[in-house]
C-alpha atoms as a PDB file:
ATOM      1  CA  MET A   1       0.000   0.000   0.000  1.00  0.00           C
ATOM      2  CA  ALA A   2       1.330   3.443  -0.912  1.00  0.00           C
ATOM      3  CA  LYS A   3       2.296   5.920   1.806  1.00  0.00           C
ATOM      4  CA  THR A   4      -0.733   8.106   1.028  1.00  0.00           C
ATOM      5  CA  GLY A   5      -3.029   5.090   1.276  1.00  0.00           C
ATOM      6  CA  LYS A   6      -1.602   4.158   4.668  1.00  0.00           C
ATOM      7  CA  LYS A   7      -2.166   7.709   5.940  1.00  0.00           C
ATOM      8  CA  ILE A   8      -5.775   7.669   4.756  1.00  0.00           C
ATOM      9  CA  LEU A   9      -6.350   4.249   6.320  1.00  0.00           C
ATOM     10  CA  LYS A  10      -4.823   5.296   9.638  1.00  0.00           C
ATOM     11  CA  LYS A  11      -6.881   8.506   9.695  1.00  0.00           C
ATOM     12  CA  LEU A  12     -10.063   6.538   8.995  1.00  0.00           C
ATOM     13  CA  GLU A  13      -9.273   3.965  11.677  1.00  0.00           C
ATOM     14  CA  LYS A  14      -8.658   6.711  14.241  1.00  0.00           C
ATOM     15  CA  LYS A  15     -11.942   8.375  13.285  1.00  0.00           C
ATOM     16  CA  ILE A  16     -13.846   5.111  13.704  1.00  0.00           C
ATOM     17  CA  VAL A  17     -12.221   4.495  17.097  1.00  0.00           C
ATOM     18  CA  LYS A  18     -13.090   8.046  18.191  1.00  0.00           C
ATOM     19  CA  ASP A  19     -16.688   7.712  16.975  1.00  0.00           C
ATOM     20  CA  LEU A  20     -17.077   4.333  18.712  1.00  0.00           C
ATOM     21  CA  GLN A  21     -15.641   5.796  21.922  1.00  0.00           C
ATOM     22  CA  THR A  22     -18.086   8.708  21.762  1.00  0.00           C
ATOM     23  CA  LEU A  23     -21.002   6.317  21.210  1.00  0.00           C
ATOM     24  CA  LYS A  24     -19.842   4.233  24.177  1.00  0.00           C
ATOM     25  CA  GLU A  25     -19.696   7.342  26.406  1.00  0.00           C
ATOM     26  CA  HIS A  26     -23.168   8.456  25.354  1.00  0.00           C
ATOM     27  CA  TRP A  27     -24.490   4.910  25.840  1.00  0.00           C
ATOM     28  CA  HIS A  28     -23.166   4.859  29.418  1.00  0.00           C
ATOM     29  CA  ARG A  29     -24.699   8.269  30.063  1.00  0.00           C
ATOM     30  CA  PHE A  30     -28.057   7.026  28.733  1.00  0.00           C
ATOM     31  CA  LEU A  31     -27.936   4.054  31.121  1.00  0.00           C
ATOM     32  CA  LEU A  32     -27.289   6.323  34.112  1.00  0.00           C
ATOM     33  CA  LEU A  33     -29.952   8.944  33.409  1.00  0.00           C
ATOM     34  CA  LYS A  34     -33.272   8.733  35.195  1.00  0.00           C
ATOM     35  CA  THR A  35     -35.308  11.568  33.653  1.00  0.00           C
ATOM     36  CA  MET A  36     -36.626  11.653  30.120  1.00  0.00           C
ATOM     37  CA  LEU A  37     -35.579  15.296  29.719  1.00  0.00           C
ATOM     38  CA  ASN A  38     -31.922  14.349  30.137  1.00  0.00           C
ATOM     39  CA  LYS A  39     -32.328  11.188  28.071  1.00  0.00           C
ATOM     40  CA  LYS A  40     -33.711  13.256  25.176  1.00  0.00           C
ATOM     41  CA  ILE A  41     -30.436  15.172  24.917  1.00  0.00           C
ATOM     42  CA  VAL A  42     -28.337  11.999  25.028  1.00  0.00           C
ATOM     43  CA  LEU A  43     -30.641  10.221  22.556  1.00  0.00           C
ATOM     44  CA  LYS A  44     -30.006  13.017  20.044  1.00  0.00           C
ATOM     45  CA  LYS A  45     -26.251  12.584  20.543  1.00  0.00           C
ATOM     46  CA  ILE A  46     -26.510   8.807  20.131  1.00  0.00           C
ATOM     47  CA  ALA A  47     -28.493   9.259  16.912  1.00  0.00           C
ATOM     48  CA  THR A  48     -25.719  11.527  15.611  1.00  0.00           C
ATOM     49  CA  ASP A  49     -23.043   9.021  16.714  1.00  0.00           C
ATOM     50  CA  ILE A  50     -24.769   6.215  14.824  1.00  0.00           C
ATOM     51  CA  LYS A  51     -25.041   8.314  11.668  1.00  0.00           C
ATOM     52  CA  LYS A  52     -21.326   9.202  11.888  1.00  0.00           C
ATOM     53  CA  LEU A  53     -20.400   5.541  12.275  1.00  0.00           C
ATOM     54  CA  ASN A  54     -22.507   4.716   9.245  1.00  0.00           C
ATOM     55  CA  LYS A  55     -20.553   7.247   7.182  1.00  0.00           C
ATOM     56  CA  ASP A  56     -17.303   5.808   8.523  1.00  0.00           C
ATOM     57  CA  ALA A  57     -18.431   2.312   7.537  1.00  0.00           C
ATOM     58  CA  GLN A  58     -19.380   3.442   4.029  1.00  0.00           C
ATOM     59  CA  VAL A  59     -15.884   4.860   3.521  1.00  0.00           C
ATOM     60  CA  ALA A  60     -14.163   1.855   5.120  1.00  0.00           C
ATOM     61  CA  LYS A  61     -16.037  -0.585   2.884  1.00  0.00           C
ATOM     62  CA  LYS A  62     -14.380   1.055  -0.141  1.00  0.00           C
ATOM     63  CA  ILE A  63     -10.829   0.680   1.192  1.00  0.00           C
ATOM     64  CA  LYS A  64      -9.289  -2.747   0.720  1.00  0.00           C
ATOM     65  CA  HIS A  65      -7.503  -2.912   4.100  1.00  0.00           C
ATOM     66  CA  ALA A  66     -10.486  -1.492   6.023  1.00  0.00           C
ATOM     67  CA  GLN A  67     -13.226  -3.418   4.279  1.00  0.00           C
ATOM     68  CA  THR A  68     -13.708  -6.012   7.039  1.00  0.00           C
ATOM     69  CA  THR A  69     -14.143  -3.302   9.671  1.00  0.00           C
ATOM     70  CA  GLY A  70     -16.507  -1.389   7.399  1.00  0.00           C
ATOM     71  CA  ASP A  71     -18.562  -4.501   6.716  1.00  0.00           C
ATOM     72  CA  LEU A  72     -18.831  -5.320  10.424  1.00  0.00           C
ATOM     73  CA  ILE A  73     -19.939  -1.829  11.449  1.00  0.00           C
ATOM     74  CA  TYR A  74     -22.310  -1.669   8.497  1.00  0.00           C
ATOM     75  CA  HIS A  75     -23.855  -4.982   9.522  1.00  0.00           C
ATOM     76  CA  LEU A  76     -24.295  -3.888  13.161  1.00  0.00           C
ATOM     77  CA  LEU A  77     -25.957  -0.630  12.140  1.00  0.00           C
ATOM     78  CA  HIS A  78     -28.128  -1.913   9.296  1.00  0.00           C
ATOM     79  CA  THR A  79     -29.416  -5.212  10.643  1.00  0.00           C
ATOM     80  CA  PRO A  80     -32.498  -5.303  12.882  1.00  0.00           C
ATOM     81  CA  TRP A  81     -31.697  -7.055  16.154  1.00  0.00           C
ATOM     82  CA  SER A  82     -33.100 -10.513  16.724  1.00  0.00           C
ATOM     83  CA  ALA A  83     -31.213 -11.449  19.881  1.00  0.00           C
ATOM     84  CA  PRO A  84     -31.262 -10.964  22.792  1.00  0.00           C
ATOM     85  CA  PHE A  85     -34.568  -9.248  21.907  1.00  0.00           C
ATOM     86  CA  SER A  86     -36.538  -8.815  18.728  1.00  0.00           C
ATOM     87  CA  GLY A  87     -36.766  -5.492  16.948  1.00  0.00           C
ATOM     88  CA  ASP A  88     -38.040  -4.568  13.516  1.00  0.00           C
ATOM     89  CA  LYS A  89     -35.745  -1.543  13.081  1.00  0.00           C
ATOM     90  CA  SER A  90     -31.996  -1.336  12.748  1.00  0.00           C
ATOM     91  CA  LEU A  91     -29.961   1.102  14.830  1.00  0.00           C
ATOM     92  CA  LEU A  92     -29.432   3.262  11.756  1.00  0.00           C
ATOM     93  CA  GLU A  93     -33.146   3.325  10.877  1.00  0.00           C
ATOM     94  CA  ALA A  94     -33.939   4.278  14.463  1.00  0.00           C
ATOM     95  CA  ALA A  95     -31.279   7.015  14.445  1.00  0.00           C
ATOM     96  CA  ILE A  96     -32.530   8.476  11.165  1.00  0.00           C
ATOM     97  CA  SER A  97     -36.180   8.459  12.241  1.00  0.00           C
ATOM     98  CA  PHE A  98     -35.395   9.948  15.680  1.00  0.00           C
ATOM     99  CA  ASP A  99     -35.702  13.551  14.472  1.00  0.00           C
ATOM    100  CA  TYR A 100     -39.256  12.864  13.281  1.00  0.00           C
ATOM    101  CA  GLN A 101     -40.534  11.089  16.378  1.00  0.00           C
ATOM    102  CA  SER A 102     -41.332  11.990  19.949  1.00  0.00           C
ATOM    103  CA  PRO A 103     -38.154  11.107  21.895  1.00  0.00           C
ATOM    104  CA  HIS A 104     -39.877   8.998  24.560  1.00  0.00           C
ATOM    105  CA  SER A 105     -41.760   6.949  21.972  1.00  0.00           C
ATOM    106  CA  SER A 106     -39.064   6.877  19.289  1.00  0.00           C
ATOM    107  CA  ASP A 107     -37.676   3.727  17.746  1.00  0.00           C
ATOM    108  CA  LEU A 108     -34.236   4.677  19.066  1.00  0.00           C
ATOM    109  CA  TYR A 109     -35.540   5.019  22.627  1.00  0.00           C
ATOM    110  CA  TYR A 110     -37.252   1.625  22.335  1.00  0.00           C
ATOM    111  CA  LEU A 111     -34.091  -0.069  21.047  1.00  0.00           C
ATOM    112  CA  LEU A 112     -31.861   1.518  23.684  1.00  0.00           C
ATOM    113  CA  GLU A 113     -34.292   0.664  26.463  1.00  0.00           C
ATOM    114  CA  GLN A 114     -34.268  -2.938  25.251  1.00  0.00           C
ATOM    115  CA  PHE A 115     -30.473  -2.841  25.045  1.00  0.00           C
ATOM    116  CA  SER A 116     -30.323  -1.498  28.586  1.00  0.00           C
ATOM    117  CA  HIS A 117     -31.671  -4.835  29.799  1.00  0.00           C
ATOM    118  CA  TYR A 118     -28.836  -6.534  27.924  1.00  0.00           C
ATOM    119  CA  SER A 119     -26.243  -3.764  28.055  1.00  0.00           C
ATOM    120  CA  SER A 120     -23.270  -6.101  28.076  1.00  0.00           C
ATOM    121  CA  HIS A 121     -24.437  -7.690  24.790  1.00  0.00           C
ATOM    122  CA  LEU A 122     -24.505  -4.386  22.875  1.00  0.00           C
ATOM    123  CA  GLU A 123     -21.342  -3.171  24.506  1.00  0.00           C
ATOM    124  CA  ASN A 124     -19.544  -6.386  23.621  1.00  0.00           C
ATOM    125  CA  GLU A 125     -20.472  -6.002  19.949  1.00  0.00           C
ATOM    126  CA  PHE A 126     -19.128  -2.453  19.693  1.00  0.00           C
ATOM    127  CA  LEU A 127     -16.224  -2.950  22.073  1.00  0.00           C
ATOM    128  CA  MET A 128     -15.038  -5.870  19.973  1.00  0.00           C
ATOM    129  CA  ILE A 129     -14.693  -3.556  16.965  1.00  0.00           C
ATOM    130  CA  TYR A 130     -13.253  -0.744  19.066  1.00  0.00           C
ATOM    131  CA  GLY A 131     -10.681  -2.991  20.745  1.00  0.00           C
ATOM    132  CA  SER A 132      -9.509  -4.589  17.543  1.00  0.00           C
ATOM    133  CA  LEU A 133      -9.124  -1.229  15.782  1.00  0.00           C
ATOM    134  CA  TYR A 134      -7.414   0.376  18.752  1.00  0.00           C
ATOM    135  CA  ASN A 135      -4.917  -2.479  18.980  1.00  0.00           C
ATOM    136  CA  LYS A 136      -4.265  -2.306  15.251  1.00  0.00           C
ATOM    137  CA  ILE A 137      -3.587   1.438  15.407  1.00  0.00           C
ATOM    138  CA  GLU A 138      -1.344   1.098  18.465  1.00  0.00           C
ATOM    139  CA  LYS A 139       0.771  -1.554  16.691  1.00  0.00           C
ATOM    140  CA  LYS A 140       1.253   0.750  13.698  1.00  0.00           C
ATOM    141  CA  ASP A 141       2.410   3.750  15.766  1.00  0.00           C
END
């Protein structure tokens, strides 16, 4: 891979790691909040985080050495969850529709409330990607 290609790949990987870290922080904040007023603010941030990760995945899917990461993130964001609970919307669909729904009855709120009962499952999915990318970047530095 050419030097320019490596720089682009490294920049993309760092962006994905940063975006995953931000999503993780907002997810933890959502779990700790008790009032809907505060959750509304964090839900908006989570919706934005998910949309950013989707853009990252779209770019990564086009780069040979980042394609696996892009495919994995794309799959997590675009596939409706069937375990540990059943949902008919994907995270991305819920994030996109959030702006057009009442926060407390939004698809995103429903999914995150369901995830909150299985928080380790969701966290494991995203942390797996985060950890593998972080380790890969650290080895390259």
